Amino acid sequence: MSGSPVIVRTFGSYEEEGGGAIISTGAVSKFLGVYSGRLHTHDPLDAQIGMVWPAVYIDEIIAGQVKDYG
C-alpha cells in the first residue's frame, strides 16, 4: 500500500485547520498525505500504526522539483 493517498472523509461537520467548524450537508473529503509504511512491533497483537507523509511535505517536494535518480 506504500504510495497510496490517505484521505479522511467526514459527514455533517468538520474542523478547519484554523480551528473553525464547518457544517456540511454531504460528505467532505480531504487529502492528508501519502502512506509510507507502518511501525512494526515485537508483539503481533499490538496495533499496527500506519505512517503518512503529510500533504505539506508532498507540496514541498513538488515545488522544489527534487528528483531521485537512485
PDB file of N, CA and C in Angstrom:
ATOM      1  N   MET A   1       0.805  -1.195   0.000  1.00  0.00           N
ATOM      2  CA  MET A   1       0.000   0.000   0.000  1.00  0.00           C
ATOM      3  C   MET A   1       0.849   1.260   0.000  1.00  0.00           C
ATOM      4  N   SER A   2       2.161   1.126   0.105  1.00  0.00           N
ATOM      5  CA  SER A   2       3.015   2.317   0.116  1.00  0.00           C
ATOM      6  C   SER A   2       2.769   3.154  -1.127  1.00  0.00           C
ATOM      7  N   GLY A   3       2.677   4.442  -0.925  1.00  0.00           N
ATOM      8  CA  GLY A   3       2.418   5.363  -2.022  1.00  0.00           C
ATOM      9  C   GLY A   3       0.945   5.677  -2.221  1.00  0.00           C
ATOM     10  N   SER A   4       0.076   5.015  -1.469  1.00  0.00           N
ATOM     11  CA  SER A   4      -1.367   5.253  -1.596  1.00  0.00           C
ATOM     12  C   SER A   4      -1.750   6.585  -0.969  1.00  0.00           C
ATOM     13  N   PRO A   5      -2.722   7.271  -1.571  1.00  0.00           N
ATOM     14  CA  PRO A   5      -3.198   8.509  -0.949  1.00  0.00           C
ATOM     15  C   PRO A   5      -3.953   8.184   0.341  1.00  0.00           C
ATOM     16  N   VAL A   6      -3.813   9.051   1.324  1.00  0.00           N
ATOM     17  CA  VAL A   6      -4.548   8.911   2.581  1.00  0.00           C
ATOM     18  C   VAL A   6      -5.567  10.042   2.622  1.00  0.00           C
ATOM     19  N   ILE A   7      -6.828   9.666   2.717  1.00  0.00           N
ATOM     20  CA  ILE A   7      -7.925  10.631   2.641  1.00  0.00           C
ATOM     21  C   ILE A   7      -8.828  10.443   3.854  1.00  0.00           C
ATOM     22  N   VAL A   8      -9.260  11.549   4.439  1.00  0.00           N
ATOM     23  CA  VAL A   8     -10.248  11.480   5.514  1.00  0.00           C
ATOM     24  C   VAL A   8     -11.580  11.956   4.924  1.00  0.00           C
ATOM     25  N   ARG A   9     -12.640  11.261   5.275  1.00  0.00           N
ATOM     26  CA  ARG A   9     -13.971  11.644   4.806  1.00  0.00           C
ATOM     27  C   ARG A   9     -14.865  11.818   6.020  1.00  0.00           C
ATOM     28  N   THR A  10     -15.508  12.961   6.087  1.00  0.00           N
ATOM     29  CA  THR A  10     -16.419  13.237   7.197  1.00  0.00           C
ATOM     30  C   THR A  10     -17.803  13.563   6.654  1.00  0.00           C
ATOM     31  N   PHE A  11     -18.783  13.411   7.506  1.00  0.00           N
ATOM     32  CA  PHE A  11     -20.164  13.688   7.130  1.00  0.00           C
ATOM     33  C   PHE A  11     -20.772  14.624   8.165  1.00  0.00           C
ATOM     34  N   GLY A  12     -21.417  15.658   7.701  1.00  0.00           N
ATOM     35  CA  GLY A  12     -22.117  16.556   8.617  1.00  0.00           C
ATOM     36  C   GLY A  12     -21.331  17.781   9.031  1.00  0.00           C
ATOM     37  N   SER A  13     -20.190  17.597   9.688  1.00  0.00           N
ATOM     38  CA  SER A  13     -19.392  18.750  10.114  1.00  0.00           C
ATOM     39  C   SER A  13     -17.931  18.333  10.249  1.00  0.00           C
ATOM     40  N   TYR A  14     -17.056  19.318  10.188  1.00  0.00           N
ATOM     41  CA  TYR A  14     -15.630  19.068  10.365  1.00  0.00           C
ATOM     42  C   TYR A  14     -14.954  20.338  10.836  1.00  0.00           C
ATOM     43  N   GLU A  15     -13.751  20.184  11.371  1.00  0.00           N
ATOM     44  CA  GLU A  15     -12.989  21.315  11.889  1.00  0.00           C
ATOM     45  C   GLU A  15     -11.941  21.741  10.864  1.00  0.00           C
ATOM     46  N   GLU A  16     -11.862  23.048  10.599  1.00  0.00           N
ATOM     47  CA  GLU A  16     -10.850  23.582   9.704  1.00  0.00           C
ATOM     48  C   GLU A  16      -9.514  23.676  10.433  1.00  0.00           C
ATOM     49  N   GLU A  17      -8.429  23.827   9.659  1.00  0.00           N
ATOM     50  CA  GLU A  17      -7.096  23.928  10.252  1.00  0.00           C
ATOM     51  C   GLU A  17      -6.985  25.127  11.187  1.00  0.00           C
ATOM     52  N   GLY A  18      -7.677  26.196  10.903  1.00  0.00           N
ATOM     53  CA  GLY A  18      -7.625  27.385  11.742  1.00  0.00           C
ATOM     54  C   GLY A  18      -8.444  27.279  13.013  1.00  0.00           C
ATOM     55  N   GLY A  19      -9.197  26.192  13.162  1.00  0.00           N
ATOM     56  CA  GLY A  19      -9.976  25.993  14.373  1.00  0.00           C
ATOM     57  C   GLY A  19     -11.465  26.211  14.207  1.00  0.00           C
ATOM     58  N   GLY A  20     -11.900  26.733  13.074  1.00  0.00           N
ATOM     59  CA  GLY A  20     -13.323  26.947  12.847  1.00  0.00           C
ATOM     60  C   GLY A  20     -14.032  25.656  12.498  1.00  0.00           C
ATOM     61  N   ALA A  21     -15.327  25.623  12.716  1.00  0.00           N
ATOM     62  CA  ALA A  21     -16.136  24.453  12.396  1.00  0.00           C
ATOM     63  C   ALA A  21     -16.961  24.734  11.146  1.00  0.00           C
ATOM     64  N   ILE A  22     -17.064  23.733  10.284  1.00  0.00           N
ATOM     65  CA  ILE A  22     -17.859  23.825   9.060  1.00  0.00           C
ATOM     66  C   ILE A  22     -18.957  22.779   9.131  1.00  0.00           C
ATOM     67  N   ILE A  23     -20.165  23.171   8.813  1.00  0.00           N
ATOM     68  CA  ILE A  23     -21.286  22.238   8.759  1.00  0.00           C
ATOM     69  C   ILE A  23     -21.613  22.000   7.295  1.00  0.00           C
ATOM     70  N   SER A  24     -21.696  20.735   6.925  1.00  0.00           N
ATOM     71  CA  SER A  24     -21.919  20.351   5.530  1.00  0.00           C
ATOM     72  C   SER A  24     -23.156  19.460   5.435  1.00  0.00           C
ATOM     73  N   THR A  25     -23.821  19.519   4.299  1.00  0.00           N
ATOM     74  CA  THR A  25     -24.999  18.666   4.096  1.00  0.00           C
ATOM     75  C   THR A  25     -24.610  17.309   3.508  1.00  0.00           C
ATOM     76  N   GLY A  26     -23.384  17.168   3.062  1.00  0.00           N
ATOM     77  CA  GLY A  26     -22.947  15.904   2.468  1.00  0.00           C
ATOM     78  C   GLY A  26     -21.567  15.513   2.959  1.00  0.00           C
ATOM     79  N   ALA A  27     -20.947  14.617   2.220  1.00  0.00           N
ATOM     80  CA  ALA A  27     -19.605  14.142   2.568  1.00  0.00           C
ATOM     81  C   ALA A  27     -18.552  15.169   2.164  1.00  0.00           C
ATOM     82  N   VAL A  28     -17.518  15.293   2.995  1.00  0.00           N
ATOM     83  CA  VAL A  28     -16.396  16.177   2.700  1.00  0.00           C
ATOM     84  C   VAL A  28     -15.127  15.329   2.788  1.00  0.00           C
ATOM     85  N   SER A  29     -14.297  15.375   1.746  1.00  0.00           N
ATOM     86  CA  SER A  29     -13.057  14.608   1.732  1.00  0.00           C
ATOM     87  C   SER A  29     -11.861  15.549   1.746  1.00  0.00           C
ATOM     88  N   LYS A  30     -10.775  15.101   2.393  1.00  0.00           N
ATOM     89  CA  LYS A  30      -9.556  15.905   2.449  1.00  0.00           C
ATOM     90  C   LYS A  30      -8.360  14.977   2.289  1.00  0.00           C
ATOM     91  N   PHE A  31      -7.424  15.369   1.431  1.00  0.00           N
ATOM     92  CA  PHE A  31      -6.191  14.626   1.223  1.00  0.00           C
ATOM     93  C   PHE A  31      -5.262  14.918   2.392  1.00  0.00           C
ATOM     94  N   LEU A  32      -4.839  13.883   3.126  1.00  0.00           N
ATOM     95  CA  LEU A  32      -3.958  14.056   4.274  1.00  0.00           C
ATOM     96  C   LEU A  32      -2.490  13.862   3.926  1.00  0.00           C
ATOM     97  N   GLY A  33      -2.208  12.980   2.972  1.00  0.00           N
ATOM     98  CA  GLY A  33      -0.826  12.707   2.616  1.00  0.00           C
ATOM     99  C   GLY A  33      -0.690  11.384   1.886  1.00  0.00           C
ATOM    100  N   VAL A  34       0.513  10.790   1.970  1.00  0.00           N
ATOM    101  CA  VAL A  34       0.820   9.544   1.263  1.00  0.00           C
ATOM    102  C   VAL A  34       1.283   8.495   2.276  1.00  0.00           C
ATOM    103  N   TYR A  35       0.687   7.324   2.209  1.00  0.00           N
ATOM    104  CA  TYR A  35       1.039   6.225   3.110  1.00  0.00           C
ATOM    105  C   TYR A  35       2.455   5.752   2.804  1.00  0.00           C
ATOM    106  N   SER A  36       3.264   5.583   3.855  1.00  0.00           N
ATOM    107  CA  SER A  36       4.666   5.198   3.627  1.00  0.00           C
ATOM    108  C   SER A  36       5.083   3.948   4.394  1.00  0.00           C
ATOM    109  N   GLY A  37       4.190   3.300   5.085  1.00  0.00           N
ATOM    110  CA  GLY A  37       4.524   2.075   5.802  1.00  0.00           C
ATOM    111  C   GLY A  37       3.895   2.064   7.173  1.00  0.00           C
ATOM    112  N   ARG A  38       4.363   1.124   8.009  1.00  0.00           N
ATOM    113  CA  ARG A  38       3.799   1.043   9.356  1.00  0.00           C
ATOM    114  C   ARG A  38       4.903   0.818  10.376  1.00  0.00           C
ATOM    115  N   LEU A  39       4.590   1.192  11.597  1.00  0.00           N
ATOM    116  CA  LEU A  39       5.507   0.967  12.707  1.00  0.00           C
ATOM    117  C   LEU A  39       5.396  -0.500  13.126  1.00  0.00           C
ATOM    118  N   HIS A  40       6.506  -1.187  13.117  1.00  0.00           N
ATOM    119  CA  HIS A  40       6.494  -2.598  13.493  1.00  0.00           C
ATOM    120  C   HIS A  40       6.699  -2.740  14.995  1.00  0.00           C
ATOM    121  N   THR A  41       6.066  -3.742  15.562  1.00  0.00           N
ATOM    122  CA  THR A  41       6.184  -4.016  16.986  1.00  0.00           C
ATOM    123  C   THR A  41       6.683  -5.446  17.173  1.00  0.00           C
ATOM    124  N   HIS A  42       7.062  -5.770  18.390  1.00  0.00           N
ATOM    125  CA  HIS A  42       7.533  -7.120  18.696  1.00  0.00           C
ATOM    126  C   HIS A  42       6.382  -8.095  18.899  1.00  0.00           C
ATOM    127  N   ASP A  43       5.235  -7.582  19.280  1.00  0.00           N
ATOM    128  CA  ASP A  43       4.070  -8.428  19.542  1.00  0.00           C
ATOM    129  C   ASP A  43       3.092  -8.309  18.373  1.00  0.00           C
ATOM    130  N   PRO A  44       2.766  -9.431  17.712  1.00  0.00           N
ATOM    131  CA  PRO A  44       1.849  -9.355  16.568  1.00  0.00           C
ATOM    132  C   PRO A  44       0.435  -8.901  16.934  1.00  0.00           C
ATOM    133  N   LEU A  45       0.102  -8.898  18.220  1.00  0.00           N
ATOM    134  CA  LEU A  45      -1.228  -8.454  18.640  1.00  0.00           C
ATOM    135  C   LEU A  45      -1.291  -6.950  18.910  1.00  0.00           C
ATOM    136  N   ASP A  46      -0.134  -6.275  18.891  1.00  0.00           N
ATOM    137  CA  ASP A  46      -0.118  -4.818  19.062  1.00  0.00           C
ATOM    138  C   ASP A  46      -0.753  -4.139  17.852  1.00  0.00           C
ATOM    139  N   ALA A  47      -1.212  -2.926  18.052  1.00  0.00           N
ATOM    140  CA  ALA A  47      -1.789  -2.147  16.955  1.00  0.00           C
ATOM    141  C   ALA A  47      -0.741  -1.905  15.869  1.00  0.00           C
ATOM    142  N   GLN A  48      -1.150  -1.985  14.639  1.00  0.00           N
ATOM    143  CA  GLN A  48      -0.278  -1.712  13.505  1.00  0.00           C
ATOM    144  C   GLN A  48      -0.522  -0.268  13.081  1.00  0.00           C
ATOM    145  N   ILE A  49       0.331   0.634  13.530  1.00  0.00           N
ATOM    146  CA  ILE A  49       0.167   2.062  13.292  1.00  0.00           C
ATOM    147  C   ILE A  49       0.778   2.435  11.949  1.00  0.00           C
ATOM    148  N   GLY A  50      -0.024   3.050  11.085  1.00  0.00           N
ATOM    149  CA  GLY A  50       0.460   3.475   9.783  1.00  0.00           C
ATOM    150  C   GLY A  50       1.183   4.806   9.843  1.00  0.00           C
ATOM    151  N   MET A  51       2.178   4.972   8.960  1.00  0.00           N
ATOM    152  CA  MET A  51       2.920   6.237   8.863  1.00  0.00           C
ATOM    153  C   MET A  51       2.523   6.929   7.557  1.00  0.00           C
ATOM    154  N   VAL A  52       2.370   8.242   7.625  1.00  0.00           N
ATOM    155  CA  VAL A  52       1.928   9.023   6.466  1.00  0.00           C
ATOM    156  C   VAL A  52       2.832  10.225   6.281  1.00  0.00           C
ATOM    157  N   TRP A  53       3.288  10.449   5.041  1.00  0.00           N
ATOM    158  CA  TRP A  53       3.974  11.704   4.704  1.00  0.00           C
ATOM    159  C   TRP A  53       2.884  12.757   4.575  1.00  0.00           C
ATOM    160  N   PRO A  54       2.897  13.796   5.424  1.00  0.00           N
ATOM    161  CA  PRO A  54       1.857  14.825   5.350  1.00  0.00           C
ATOM    162  C   PRO A  54       1.828  15.527   3.986  1.00  0.00           C
ATOM    163  N   ALA A  55       0.652  15.968   3.605  1.00  0.00           N
ATOM    164  CA  ALA A  55       0.455  16.623   2.315  1.00  0.00           C
ATOM    165  C   ALA A  55       1.401  17.807   2.123  1.00  0.00           C
ATOM    166  N   VAL A  56       1.703  18.547   3.178  1.00  0.00           N
ATOM    167  CA  VAL A  56       2.585  19.715   3.059  1.00  0.00           C
ATOM    168  C   VAL A  56       3.973  19.297   2.579  1.00  0.00           C
ATOM    169  N   TYR A  57       4.464  18.120   3.001  1.00  0.00           N
ATOM    170  CA  TYR A  57       5.772  17.634   2.535  1.00  0.00           C
ATOM    171  C   TYR A  57       5.729  17.299   1.048  1.00  0.00           C
ATOM    172  N   ILE A  58       4.619  16.732   0.615  1.00  0.00           N
ATOM    173  CA  ILE A  58       4.469  16.400  -0.804  1.00  0.00           C
ATOM    174  C   ILE A  58       4.502  17.682  -1.630  1.00  0.00           C
ATOM    175  N   ASP A  59       3.801  18.704  -1.154  1.00  0.00           N
ATOM    176  CA  ASP A  59       3.806  20.003  -1.846  1.00  0.00           C
ATOM    177  C   ASP A  59       5.223  20.575  -1.922  1.00  0.00           C
ATOM    178  N   GLU A  60       6.003  20.464  -0.837  1.00  0.00           N
ATOM    179  CA  GLU A  60       7.375  20.986  -0.818  1.00  0.00           C
ATOM    180  C   GLU A  60       8.267  20.237  -1.805  1.00  0.00           C
ATOM    181  N   ILE A  61       8.127  18.931  -1.877  1.00  0.00           N
ATOM    182  CA  ILE A  61       8.937  18.135  -2.813  1.00  0.00           C
ATOM    183  C   ILE A  61       8.630  18.528  -4.252  1.00  0.00           C
ATOM    184  N   ILE A  62       7.350  18.675  -4.564  1.00  0.00           N
ATOM    185  CA  ILE A  62       6.953  19.045  -5.933  1.00  0.00           C
ATOM    186  C   ILE A  62       7.428  20.454  -6.249  1.00  0.00           C
ATOM    187  N   ALA A  63       7.241  21.389  -5.329  1.00  0.00           N
ATOM    188  CA  ALA A  63       7.667  22.776  -5.553  1.00  0.00           C
ATOM    189  C   ALA A  63       9.187  22.879  -5.717  1.00  0.00           C
ATOM    190  N   GLY A  64       9.948  22.051  -4.996  1.00  0.00           N
ATOM    191  CA  GLY A  64      11.404  22.088  -5.066  1.00  0.00           C
ATOM    192  C   GLY A  64      11.963  21.367  -6.288  1.00  0.00           C
ATOM    193  N   GLN A  65      11.095  20.661  -7.017  1.00  0.00           N
ATOM    194  CA  GLN A  65      11.488  19.923  -8.227  1.00  0.00           C
ATOM    195  C   GLN A  65      12.693  19.014  -7.979  1.00  0.00           C
ATOM    196  N   VAL A  66      12.714  18.379  -6.810  1.00  0.00           N
ATOM    197  CA  VAL A  66      13.808  17.456  -6.456  1.00  0.00           C
ATOM    198  C   VAL A  66      13.476  16.098  -7.033  1.00  0.00           C
ATOM    199  N   LYS A  67      14.445  15.499  -7.742  1.00  0.00           N
ATOM    200  CA  LYS A  67      14.238  14.199  -8.370  1.00  0.00           C
ATOM    201  C   LYS A  67      15.275  13.215  -7.834  1.00  0.00           C
ATOM    202  N   ASP A  68      14.863  11.983  -7.694  1.00  0.00           N
ATOM    203  CA  ASP A  68      15.748  10.922  -7.219  1.00  0.00           C
ATOM    204  C   ASP A  68      16.028   9.988  -8.384  1.00  0.00           C
ATOM    205  N   TYR A  69      17.276   9.924  -8.765  1.00  0.00           N
ATOM    206  CA  TYR A  69      17.659   9.051  -9.880  1.00  0.00           C
ATOM    207  C   TYR A  69      18.360   7.798  -9.372  1.00  0.00           C
ATOM    208  N   GLY A  70      18.227   7.494  -8.047  1.00  0.00           N
ATOM    209  CA  GLY A  70      18.919   6.397  -7.405  1.00  0.00           C
ATOM    210  C   GLY A  70      18.405   5.086  -7.799  1.00  0.00           C
TER     211      GLY A  70
END
